[in-house]
């Protein structure tokens, strides 16, 4: 006999309530983040590609900004259609064939670009660690040519690794949905032949197993008399599907049938359960957990190197104060104040680097580490966890990833005097110079870029400050060391 058993419960009603309430604001929230992120990443690219800003670190930051910009631009039509306009569109327009094609492109494109961003962030951590731990070999190991090859490799490898398995496990499937008078879906029936064949095979298998093992209980789809693939097809379906191919249209109740298209498991994925589990393992381990682990280890070692460099500077300063003080006329001369101020400034810069390293590391882990854990649990716990937890929290994970991709501009402006100076040079109106005079560093940058400092038309010699040789962002994960 076949009995119906309940699935294990992994997430409570609070997750359902959060999903129900948040999905109404996710569209508008994500649209605002994407628009601001598009603007911010565009400004990043403009500033970082200036001639005076060229350096290996800035080249990686530019590659990161390009990937984040592409993610933002591609997500805008997705969130507008699926969240903002979905309630106003007829069901057949919400799930048209052209939109299903876009969703398949979206599922591959967004994941590929996000993977590129993750590994470029790890590359920045490696570059920073080499600069701190091996400053003598930094120019050899992390030169401009090596950096360019690394960036190109990250783009090519991520496309070749991520795209094929995402393409192979998904397909556009055809369904017939029955809608009530209010346009809500009552029933969804697959029309694609490979899904029907798979459902029939599963139904026959269940009947044979239940007849040979009477005490074994098999899960049944709610409201259906035959076994379905609903529990195996969760990632790409909104409604449970049955193996029935006919439906009755009750015109007096205002019901109607429409043909829709959804992104679904491919025929290969339906018949190969290990392949579906492998997709979650690739996503969680290769794309999320390994980068998080690598970045954590590198950051901890980087913090240790920075603290040791600070301690070494203090020791050298003590030796210089005690053993190397100049003697004039038999008296010890106290070192000049400018050197002490310079040492103090270097110490403050190191402390700032360490604090910002911890802040960026925390932001990255908050965004990426939970997604890796959730993907790993999908592979270990199966489709029940996918339907109850992962899909309910997918909007939250999306918005965290979008925020992480759009916040770099704020970090650069808050941590890099050179970035702020170049940004001011490019976008500050000239008429403000008469009322808000530029700092000495800004004036030097403006001289170097255009040869014109003020509105009176006086020409000066082109001068580029030494700090403009490389981007002096005091950020532990994203820069080379200029003070160690």
Protein backbone atom coordinates (compact mmCIF):
# COMPACT_ATOMS: atom_id res chain seq x y z
CA UNK A 1 0.00 0.00 0.00
CA UNK A 2 1.08 3.58 -0.58
CA UNK A 3 0.85 5.99 2.27
CA UNK A 4 1.47 9.67 2.39
CA UNK A 5 4.20 10.88 4.73
CA UNK A 6 5.16 14.39 5.60
CA UNK A 7 8.53 15.81 4.66
CA UNK A 8 11.04 16.86 7.34
CA UNK A 9 10.72 20.47 8.40
CA UNK A 10 13.94 22.50 8.30
CA UNK A 11 12.63 26.07 8.43
CA UNK A 12 9.74 27.35 10.49
CA UNK A 13 6.84 29.66 9.77
CA UNK A 14 9.03 32.73 10.37
CA UNK A 15 10.91 32.05 7.12
CA UNK A 16 7.61 31.80 5.23
CA UNK A 17 6.42 35.07 6.77
CA UNK A 18 9.67 36.80 5.88
CA UNK A 19 9.49 35.57 2.29
CA UNK A 20 5.85 36.64 1.93
CA UNK A 21 6.46 40.13 3.31
CA UNK A 22 9.83 40.86 1.75
CA UNK A 23 9.02 39.84 -1.82
CA UNK A 24 6.75 42.88 -2.18
CA UNK A 25 9.61 45.31 -1.54
CA UNK A 26 12.47 43.31 -3.05
CA UNK A 27 11.77 44.55 -6.55
CA UNK A 28 11.94 48.24 -5.64
CA UNK A 29 14.82 47.78 -3.20
CA UNK A 30 16.95 45.82 -5.67
CA UNK A 31 16.14 48.28 -8.46
CA UNK A 32 17.43 51.19 -6.37
CA UNK A 33 20.57 49.25 -5.43
CA UNK A 34 21.19 48.31 -9.09
CA UNK A 35 20.79 51.90 -10.32
CA UNK A 36 23.13 53.27 -7.64
CA UNK A 37 25.53 50.37 -8.16
CA UNK A 38 25.60 50.96 -11.92
CA UNK A 39 26.49 54.60 -11.35
CA UNK A 40 29.10 53.75 -8.69
CA UNK A 41 30.84 51.08 -10.75
CA UNK A 42 30.86 53.35 -13.80
CA UNK A 43 32.62 56.01 -11.73
CA UNK A 44 35.05 53.38 -10.46
CA UNK A 45 35.99 52.42 -14.01
CA UNK A 46 36.41 56.05 -15.09
CA UNK A 47 38.65 56.93 -12.15
CA UNK A 48 40.71 53.73 -12.03
CA UNK A 49 41.57 53.82 -15.74
CA UNK A 50 43.14 57.29 -15.58
CA UNK A 51 46.80 57.32 -16.61
CA UNK A 52 48.03 58.51 -13.22
CA UNK A 53 46.04 55.71 -11.52
CA UNK A 54 47.51 52.81 -13.49
CA UNK A 55 48.88 50.02 -11.30
CA UNK A 56 48.44 46.24 -10.98
CA UNK A 57 46.06 46.67 -8.06
CA UNK A 58 43.93 49.20 -9.91
CA UNK A 59 43.81 46.93 -12.95
CA UNK A 60 42.25 44.19 -10.80
CA UNK A 61 39.85 46.72 -9.28
CA UNK A 62 38.84 47.75 -12.79
CA UNK A 63 38.16 44.14 -13.77
CA UNK A 64 36.10 43.77 -10.60
CA UNK A 65 34.13 46.93 -11.39
CA UNK A 66 33.40 45.71 -14.94
CA UNK A 67 32.00 42.41 -13.64
CA UNK A 68 29.90 44.13 -10.98
CA UNK A 69 28.60 46.66 -13.51
CA UNK A 70 27.49 43.87 -15.85
CA UNK A 71 25.67 42.13 -12.98
CA UNK A 72 23.83 45.34 -12.08
CA UNK A 73 22.77 46.10 -15.65
CA UNK A 74 21.52 42.58 -16.26
CA UNK A 75 19.58 42.38 -12.99
CA UNK A 76 17.53 45.53 -13.71
CA UNK A 77 15.20 44.01 -16.38
CA UNK A 78 14.89 40.84 -14.29
CA UNK A 79 13.69 42.61 -11.15
CA UNK A 80 11.41 44.98 -13.08
CA UNK A 81 9.63 42.14 -14.89
CA UNK A 82 9.51 39.52 -12.14
CA UNK A 83 8.77 41.76 -9.14
CA UNK A 84 7.51 45.19 -10.15
CA UNK A 85 5.40 44.46 -13.24
CA UNK A 86 4.44 40.84 -12.58
CA UNK A 87 1.14 41.69 -10.86
CA UNK A 88 0.09 43.90 -13.78
CA UNK A 89 0.90 41.45 -16.58
CA UNK A 90 -1.30 38.56 -17.75
CA UNK A 91 0.00 35.13 -16.83
CA UNK A 92 0.89 34.27 -20.41
CA UNK A 93 3.04 37.42 -20.63
CA UNK A 94 4.68 36.81 -17.26
CA UNK A 95 5.86 33.38 -18.42
CA UNK A 96 6.23 33.82 -22.16
CA UNK A 97 8.76 31.88 -24.20
CA UNK A 98 10.95 34.93 -24.75
CA UNK A 99 11.03 35.62 -21.01
CA UNK A 100 11.93 31.99 -20.31
CA UNK A 101 14.90 32.40 -22.67
CA UNK A 102 15.95 35.51 -20.76
CA UNK A 103 15.65 33.69 -17.43
CA UNK A 104 17.96 30.95 -18.68
CA UNK A 105 20.43 33.59 -19.83
CA UNK A 106 20.04 35.37 -16.49
CA UNK A 107 20.71 32.22 -14.46
CA UNK A 108 23.98 31.62 -16.32
CA UNK A 109 25.20 35.17 -16.93
CA UNK A 110 24.66 36.46 -13.39
CA UNK A 111 26.34 33.45 -11.80
CA UNK A 112 29.34 33.61 -14.14
CA UNK A 113 29.91 37.33 -13.51
CA UNK A 114 29.44 36.95 -9.76
CA UNK A 115 31.94 34.10 -9.73
CA UNK A 116 34.44 36.33 -11.57
CA UNK A 117 33.94 39.03 -8.93
CA UNK A 118 34.54 36.56 -6.11
CA UNK A 119 37.79 35.21 -7.53
CA UNK A 120 39.08 38.67 -8.42
CA UNK A 121 38.52 39.60 -4.77
CA UNK A 122 40.63 36.60 -3.77
CA UNK A 123 43.27 37.71 -6.29
CA UNK A 124 43.38 41.11 -4.64
CA UNK A 125 43.96 39.44 -1.28
CA UNK A 126 46.82 37.41 -2.74
CA UNK A 127 48.38 40.50 -4.32
CA UNK A 128 48.12 42.38 -1.04
CA UNK A 129 49.64 39.51 0.94
CA UNK A 130 52.59 39.27 -1.47
CA UNK A 131 53.14 43.01 -1.22
CA UNK A 132 53.27 42.84 2.59
CA UNK A 133 55.16 39.58 3.07
CA UNK A 134 57.50 39.72 0.06
CA UNK A 135 57.97 43.41 -0.80
CA UNK A 136 61.25 42.74 -2.63
CA UNK A 137 59.56 40.38 -5.10
CA UNK A 138 56.31 42.28 -5.39
CA UNK A 139 57.15 43.94 -8.70
CA UNK A 140 58.34 40.65 -10.19
CA UNK A 141 55.43 38.48 -9.07
CA UNK A 142 52.69 41.10 -9.30
CA UNK A 143 53.76 43.18 -12.26
CA UNK A 144 51.37 44.71 -14.75
CA UNK A 145 51.80 41.94 -17.31
CA UNK A 146 51.19 39.20 -14.73
CA UNK A 147 48.15 41.05 -13.43
CA UNK A 148 46.64 41.43 -16.90
CA UNK A 149 47.09 37.71 -17.60
CA UNK A 150 45.54 36.85 -14.22
CA UNK A 151 42.47 39.00 -14.88
CA UNK A 152 41.96 37.50 -18.34
CA UNK A 153 42.40 34.00 -16.90
CA UNK A 154 39.77 34.66 -14.23
CA UNK A 155 37.23 35.73 -16.86
CA UNK A 156 37.95 32.83 -19.23
CA UNK A 157 38.14 30.06 -16.61
CA UNK A 158 34.98 31.15 -14.80
CA UNK A 159 33.05 31.18 -18.08
CA UNK A 160 34.33 27.72 -19.06
CA UNK A 161 33.74 26.16 -15.63
CA UNK A 162 30.40 27.67 -14.62
CA UNK A 163 28.50 28.00 -17.91
CA UNK A 164 28.42 24.36 -19.14
CA UNK A 165 26.91 22.74 -16.04
CA UNK A 166 24.33 25.50 -15.64
CA UNK A 167 23.33 25.12 -19.27
CA UNK A 168 23.16 21.32 -19.14
CA UNK A 169 20.99 21.01 -16.02
CA UNK A 170 18.29 23.46 -17.12
CA UNK A 171 15.85 23.62 -20.03
CA UNK A 172 12.79 25.60 -21.10
CA UNK A 173 9.67 23.48 -20.52
CA UNK A 174 6.10 24.04 -21.69
CA UNK A 175 3.17 23.96 -19.26
CA UNK A 176 -0.57 24.45 -19.29
CA UNK A 177 -1.93 26.36 -16.32
CA UNK A 178 -5.52 26.67 -15.20
CA UNK A 179 -6.36 30.12 -13.84
CA UNK A 180 -9.35 31.15 -11.79
CA UNK A 181 -11.39 34.31 -12.31
CA UNK A 182 -8.80 36.37 -10.38
CA UNK A 183 -5.93 35.12 -12.51
CA UNK A 184 -4.45 32.88 -9.82
CA UNK A 185 -3.01 29.53 -10.81
CA UNK A 186 -5.15 26.54 -9.80
CA UNK A 187 -3.25 23.79 -11.55
CA UNK A 188 -0.11 23.45 -13.65
CA UNK A 189 0.28 20.57 -16.11
CA UNK A 190 3.52 19.81 -18.01
CA UNK A 191 3.24 19.58 -21.78
CA UNK A 192 6.88 18.88 -22.62
CA UNK A 193 7.16 15.25 -23.61
CA UNK A 194 10.36 14.48 -21.68
CA UNK A 195 8.70 15.55 -18.41
CA UNK A 196 5.65 13.41 -19.12
CA UNK A 197 7.84 10.41 -19.90
CA UNK A 198 9.82 10.92 -16.71
CA UNK A 199 6.65 11.21 -14.61
CA UNK A 200 5.29 8.01 -16.13
CA UNK A 201 8.56 6.19 -15.42
CA UNK A 202 8.52 7.37 -11.82
CA UNK A 203 4.87 6.33 -11.44
CA UNK A 204 5.58 2.81 -12.72
CA UNK A 205 8.65 2.54 -10.46
CA UNK A 206 6.66 3.58 -7.41
CA UNK A 207 3.92 1.04 -8.16
CA UNK A 208 6.43 -1.80 -8.49
CA UNK A 209 8.28 -0.87 -5.31
CA UNK A 210 5.10 -0.44 -3.31
CA UNK A 211 3.78 -3.82 -4.44
CA UNK A 212 7.01 -5.63 -3.53
CA UNK A 213 7.50 -3.73 -0.26
CA UNK A 214 4.05 -3.13 1.28
CA UNK A 215 5.32 -1.46 4.43
CA UNK A 216 7.39 1.16 2.62
CA UNK A 217 5.87 4.63 2.57
CA UNK A 218 6.29 6.85 -0.50
CA UNK A 219 5.71 10.61 -0.65
CA UNK A 220 2.73 11.71 -2.66
CA UNK A 221 2.06 15.07 -4.22
CA UNK A 222 -0.81 16.91 -2.56
CA UNK A 223 -4.08 16.51 -4.40
CA UNK A 224 -2.89 13.97 -6.93
CA UNK A 225 -3.45 10.25 -7.22
CA UNK A 226 -0.11 9.47 -8.78
CA UNK A 227 3.51 10.12 -7.91
CA UNK A 228 5.02 13.31 -9.29
CA UNK A 229 8.41 14.85 -9.67
CA UNK A 230 7.52 17.94 -7.71
CA UNK A 231 10.02 17.25 -4.94
CA UNK A 232 12.83 16.76 -7.42
CA UNK A 233 12.11 19.75 -9.61
CA UNK A 234 11.91 22.51 -7.08
CA UNK A 235 14.52 24.94 -8.39
CA UNK A 236 12.72 25.74 -11.62
CA UNK A 237 9.03 25.43 -10.82
CA UNK A 238 6.56 27.67 -9.10
CA UNK A 239 3.66 25.24 -8.93
CA UNK A 240 3.47 21.46 -8.36
CA UNK A 241 3.15 19.46 -11.57
CA UNK A 242 1.20 16.29 -12.19
CA UNK A 243 1.35 13.62 -14.84
CA UNK A 244 -2.19 14.35 -15.96
CA UNK A 245 -2.45 15.87 -19.44
CA UNK A 246 -6.09 16.88 -19.52
CA UNK A 247 -8.00 19.55 -17.69
CA UNK A 248 -11.56 20.76 -17.63
CA UNK A 249 -12.40 24.39 -18.33
CA UNK A 250 -15.35 25.60 -16.26
CA UNK A 251 -16.48 28.69 -18.11
CA UNK A 252 -19.20 29.45 -15.58
CA UNK A 253 -16.57 29.87 -12.87
CA UNK A 254 -14.41 32.08 -15.08
CA UNK A 255 -11.56 29.58 -15.28
CA UNK A 256 -9.30 29.47 -18.33
CA UNK A 257 -6.25 27.60 -19.57
CA UNK A 258 -3.06 29.35 -20.68
CA UNK A 259 0.21 28.04 -22.09
CA UNK A 260 3.32 29.18 -20.23
CA UNK A 261 7.04 28.43 -20.33
CA UNK A 262 9.27 27.87 -17.32
CA UNK A 263 12.91 27.13 -16.66
CA UNK A 264 12.99 23.51 -15.58
CA UNK A 265 15.35 20.61 -15.05
CA UNK A 266 16.67 19.30 -18.35
CA UNK A 267 16.09 15.72 -19.45
CA UNK A 268 19.68 14.92 -18.50
CA UNK A 269 19.23 16.32 -14.99
CA UNK A 270 15.91 14.50 -14.46
CA UNK A 271 17.49 11.10 -15.05
CA UNK A 272 20.74 11.85 -13.26
CA UNK A 273 20.21 12.77 -9.62
CA UNK A 274 23.97 12.81 -8.85
CA UNK A 275 24.38 15.45 -11.55
CA UNK A 276 21.86 17.68 -9.81
CA UNK A 277 23.64 17.23 -6.50
CA UNK A 278 26.95 17.96 -8.22
CA UNK A 279 25.63 21.32 -9.39
CA UNK A 280 24.94 22.35 -5.80
CA UNK A 281 28.36 21.08 -4.71
CA UNK A 282 30.10 23.05 -7.46
CA UNK A 283 28.12 26.13 -6.53
CA UNK A 284 28.65 25.86 -2.78
CA UNK A 285 32.21 24.55 -2.61
CA UNK A 286 34.00 25.86 -5.70
CA UNK A 287 32.23 29.20 -6.04
CA UNK A 288 31.51 30.08 -2.40
CA UNK A 289 33.24 28.09 0.35
CA UNK A 290 36.73 27.77 -1.14
CA UNK A 291 37.01 31.54 -1.88
CA UNK A 292 35.72 32.33 1.62
CA UNK A 293 38.23 29.96 3.20
CA UNK A 294 41.11 31.28 1.07
CA UNK A 295 40.21 34.88 1.78
CA UNK A 296 39.91 34.21 5.51
CA UNK A 297 43.33 32.53 5.69
CA UNK A 298 45.01 35.22 3.61
CA UNK A 299 43.40 37.98 5.63
CA UNK A 300 44.44 36.51 8.96
CA UNK A 301 48.02 36.14 7.76
CA UNK A 302 47.90 39.62 6.27
CA UNK A 303 46.74 41.11 9.55
CA UNK A 304 49.57 39.30 11.30
CA UNK A 305 52.08 40.67 8.77
CA UNK A 306 50.76 44.20 9.21
CA UNK A 307 50.94 43.98 13.00
CA UNK A 308 54.46 42.59 12.82
CA UNK A 309 55.47 45.40 10.46
CA UNK A 310 54.08 47.90 12.94
CA UNK A 311 56.04 46.28 15.77
CA UNK A 312 59.18 46.30 13.63
CA UNK A 313 58.79 50.01 12.95
CA UNK A 314 58.46 50.70 16.66
CA UNK A 315 61.65 48.74 17.38
CA UNK A 316 63.52 50.61 14.66
CA UNK A 317 62.20 53.90 15.97
CA UNK A 318 63.39 53.06 19.50
CA UNK A 319 66.84 52.14 18.22
CA UNK A 320 66.99 55.32 16.22
CA UNK A 321 65.98 57.36 19.26
CA UNK A 322 68.38 55.67 21.70
CA UNK A 323 71.41 54.60 19.70
CA UNK A 324 71.58 56.83 16.65
CA UNK A 325 70.94 60.30 18.02
CA UNK A 326 73.39 62.87 16.64
CA UNK A 327 75.86 64.56 19.02
CA UNK A 328 76.72 68.25 18.52
CA UNK A 329 79.29 69.93 20.77
CA UNK A 330 79.17 66.98 23.13
CA UNK A 331 75.38 67.08 23.53
CA UNK A 332 72.75 64.68 22.24
CA UNK A 333 70.45 66.34 19.72
CA UNK A 334 66.78 65.30 19.79
CA UNK A 335 65.44 64.10 16.39
CA UNK A 336 63.44 66.64 14.47
CA UNK A 337 59.65 66.71 14.88
CA UNK A 338 58.83 66.09 11.17
CA UNK A 339 60.33 62.57 11.36
CA UNK A 340 58.23 61.75 14.42
CA UNK A 341 55.12 63.04 12.69
CA UNK A 342 55.93 60.96 9.62
CA UNK A 343 56.35 57.81 11.71
CA UNK A 344 53.10 58.52 13.53
CA UNK A 345 51.31 58.98 10.22
CA UNK A 346 52.61 55.62 8.99
CA UNK A 347 51.38 53.93 12.14
CA UNK A 348 47.96 55.48 11.76
CA UNK A 349 47.83 54.35 8.14
CA UNK A 350 48.67 50.77 9.18
CA UNK A 351 45.96 50.80 11.84
CA UNK A 352 43.49 52.13 9.29
CA UNK A 353 44.50 49.37 6.87
CA UNK A 354 43.93 46.69 9.52
CA UNK A 355 40.51 48.04 10.51
CA UNK A 356 39.32 48.30 6.92
CA UNK A 357 40.65 44.81 6.20
CA UNK A 358 38.43 43.44 8.94
CA UNK A 359 35.45 45.46 7.68
CA UNK A 360 35.79 44.25 4.07
CA UNK A 361 36.38 40.67 5.20
CA UNK A 362 33.25 40.78 7.36
CA UNK A 363 31.19 42.19 4.48
CA UNK A 364 32.42 39.49 2.11
CA UNK A 365 31.77 36.67 4.57
CA UNK A 366 28.29 37.95 5.47
CA UNK A 367 27.41 37.97 1.78
CA UNK A 368 29.05 34.85 0.42
CA UNK A 369 29.55 32.38 3.26
CA UNK A 370 25.81 31.83 4.03
CA UNK A 371 25.14 31.17 0.34
CA UNK A 372 27.84 28.52 0.27
CA UNK A 373 26.47 26.84 3.39
CA UNK A 374 22.92 26.89 1.98
CA UNK A 375 24.07 25.36 -1.30
CA UNK A 376 25.94 22.63 0.55
CA UNK A 377 22.86 21.85 2.65
CA UNK A 378 20.83 21.56 -0.56
CA UNK A 379 23.09 18.78 -1.75
CA UNK A 380 23.11 17.03 1.64
CA UNK A 381 19.46 17.40 2.73
CA UNK A 382 17.71 17.24 -0.64
CA UNK A 383 14.75 19.02 -2.15
CA UNK A 384 12.82 19.48 1.07
CA UNK A 385 15.45 21.94 2.31
CA UNK A 386 15.51 23.58 -1.11
CA UNK A 387 11.79 24.25 -1.15
CA UNK A 388 11.40 25.16 2.53
CA UNK A 389 14.51 27.26 3.12
CA UNK A 390 16.73 28.03 0.14
CA UNK A 391 14.11 29.37 -2.25
CA UNK A 392 12.42 31.31 0.55
CA UNK A 393 15.69 33.10 1.34
CA UNK A 394 16.89 33.55 -2.25
CA UNK A 395 15.69 37.16 -2.47
CA UNK A 396 17.62 38.04 0.67
CA UNK A 397 20.80 36.46 -0.69
CA UNK A 398 20.32 38.33 -3.96
CA UNK A 399 20.07 41.73 -2.32
CA UNK A 400 23.13 41.04 -0.15
CA UNK A 401 25.16 40.13 -3.23
CA UNK A 402 23.97 43.26 -5.05
CA UNK A 403 24.90 45.49 -2.12
CA UNK A 404 28.32 43.86 -1.93
CA UNK A 405 28.83 44.59 -5.64
CA UNK A 406 27.82 48.23 -5.37
CA UNK A 407 29.53 49.39 -2.18
CA UNK A 408 33.13 49.45 -3.42
CA UNK A 409 32.89 53.08 -4.55
CA UNK A 410 32.11 54.17 -0.99
CA UNK A 411 35.05 52.13 0.32
CA UNK A 412 37.45 53.65 -2.19
CA UNK A 413 36.33 57.21 -1.48
CA UNK A 414 36.60 56.72 2.28
CA UNK A 415 40.02 55.05 2.20
CA UNK A 416 42.00 56.49 -0.69
CA UNK A 417 43.18 60.07 -0.85
CA UNK A 418 44.45 59.48 -4.39
CA UNK A 419 41.06 58.12 -5.49
CA UNK A 420 39.27 61.12 -3.96
CA UNK A 421 41.71 63.53 -5.59
CA UNK A 422 41.32 61.96 -9.03
CA UNK A 423 37.55 61.86 -8.66
CA UNK A 424 37.55 65.55 -7.65
CA UNK A 425 39.76 66.38 -10.62
CA UNK A 426 37.35 64.72 -13.04
CA UNK A 427 33.96 65.75 -11.69
CA UNK A 428 34.35 68.86 -9.54
CA UNK A 429 33.05 72.01 -11.29
CA UNK A 430 35.74 74.61 -11.98
CA UNK A 431 33.74 77.50 -10.58
CA UNK A 432 33.92 75.91 -7.11
CA UNK A 433 37.69 76.48 -7.05
CA UNK A 434 37.20 80.18 -6.30
CA UNK A 435 35.07 79.43 -3.24
CA UNK A 436 36.43 76.08 -2.05
CA UNK A 437 40.19 75.98 -2.65
CA UNK A 438 41.76 72.62 -3.39
CA UNK A 439 44.19 70.95 -1.04
CA UNK A 440 47.85 70.75 -2.05
CA UNK A 441 47.43 67.12 -3.15
CA UNK A 442 44.35 67.92 -5.22
CA UNK A 443 46.13 70.86 -6.81
CA UNK A 444 49.04 68.66 -7.81
CA UNK A 445 46.69 66.11 -9.33
CA UNK A 446 44.86 68.78 -11.30
CA UNK A 447 48.16 70.16 -12.57
CA UNK A 448 49.21 66.70 -13.70
CA UNK A 449 45.98 66.02 -15.55
CA UNK A 450 45.34 69.24 -17.35
CA UNK A 451 48.15 71.64 -16.73
CA UNK A 452 45.65 74.25 -15.45
CA UNK A 453 45.10 74.99 -11.76
CA UNK A 454 42.78 77.97 -11.51
CA UNK A 455 40.39 80.10 -13.52
CA UNK A 456 42.99 82.73 -14.34
CA UNK A 457 44.57 80.57 -17.02
CA UNK A 458 48.06 80.34 -15.53
CA UNK A 459 50.03 77.34 -16.79
CA UNK A 460 52.20 75.29 -14.46
CA UNK A 461 54.64 72.47 -14.93
CA UNK A 462 53.06 69.04 -15.01
CA UNK A 463 53.56 67.47 -11.62
CA UNK A 464 52.44 64.08 -10.40
CA UNK A 465 52.70 63.29 -6.71
CA UNK A 466 54.61 60.15 -5.79
CA UNK A 467 51.48 58.62 -4.33
CA UNK A 468 49.86 58.64 -7.78
CA UNK A 469 52.29 55.98 -8.95
CA UNK A 470 49.99 53.49 -7.30
CA UNK A 471 46.58 53.66 -5.73
CA UNK A 472 47.12 54.34 -2.04
CA UNK A 473 43.89 52.85 -0.82
CA UNK A 474 44.31 51.96 2.82
CA UNK A 475 42.39 48.73 2.29
CA UNK A 476 43.92 45.48 3.32
CA UNK A 477 42.22 43.32 0.69
CA UNK A 478 42.61 45.49 -2.35
CA UNK A 479 45.94 47.29 -2.45
CA UNK A 480 49.62 47.04 -2.50
CA UNK A 481 51.56 48.19 0.55
CA UNK A 482 53.23 51.55 0.19
CA UNK A 483 54.37 52.02 3.77
CA UNK A 484 56.07 48.75 4.68
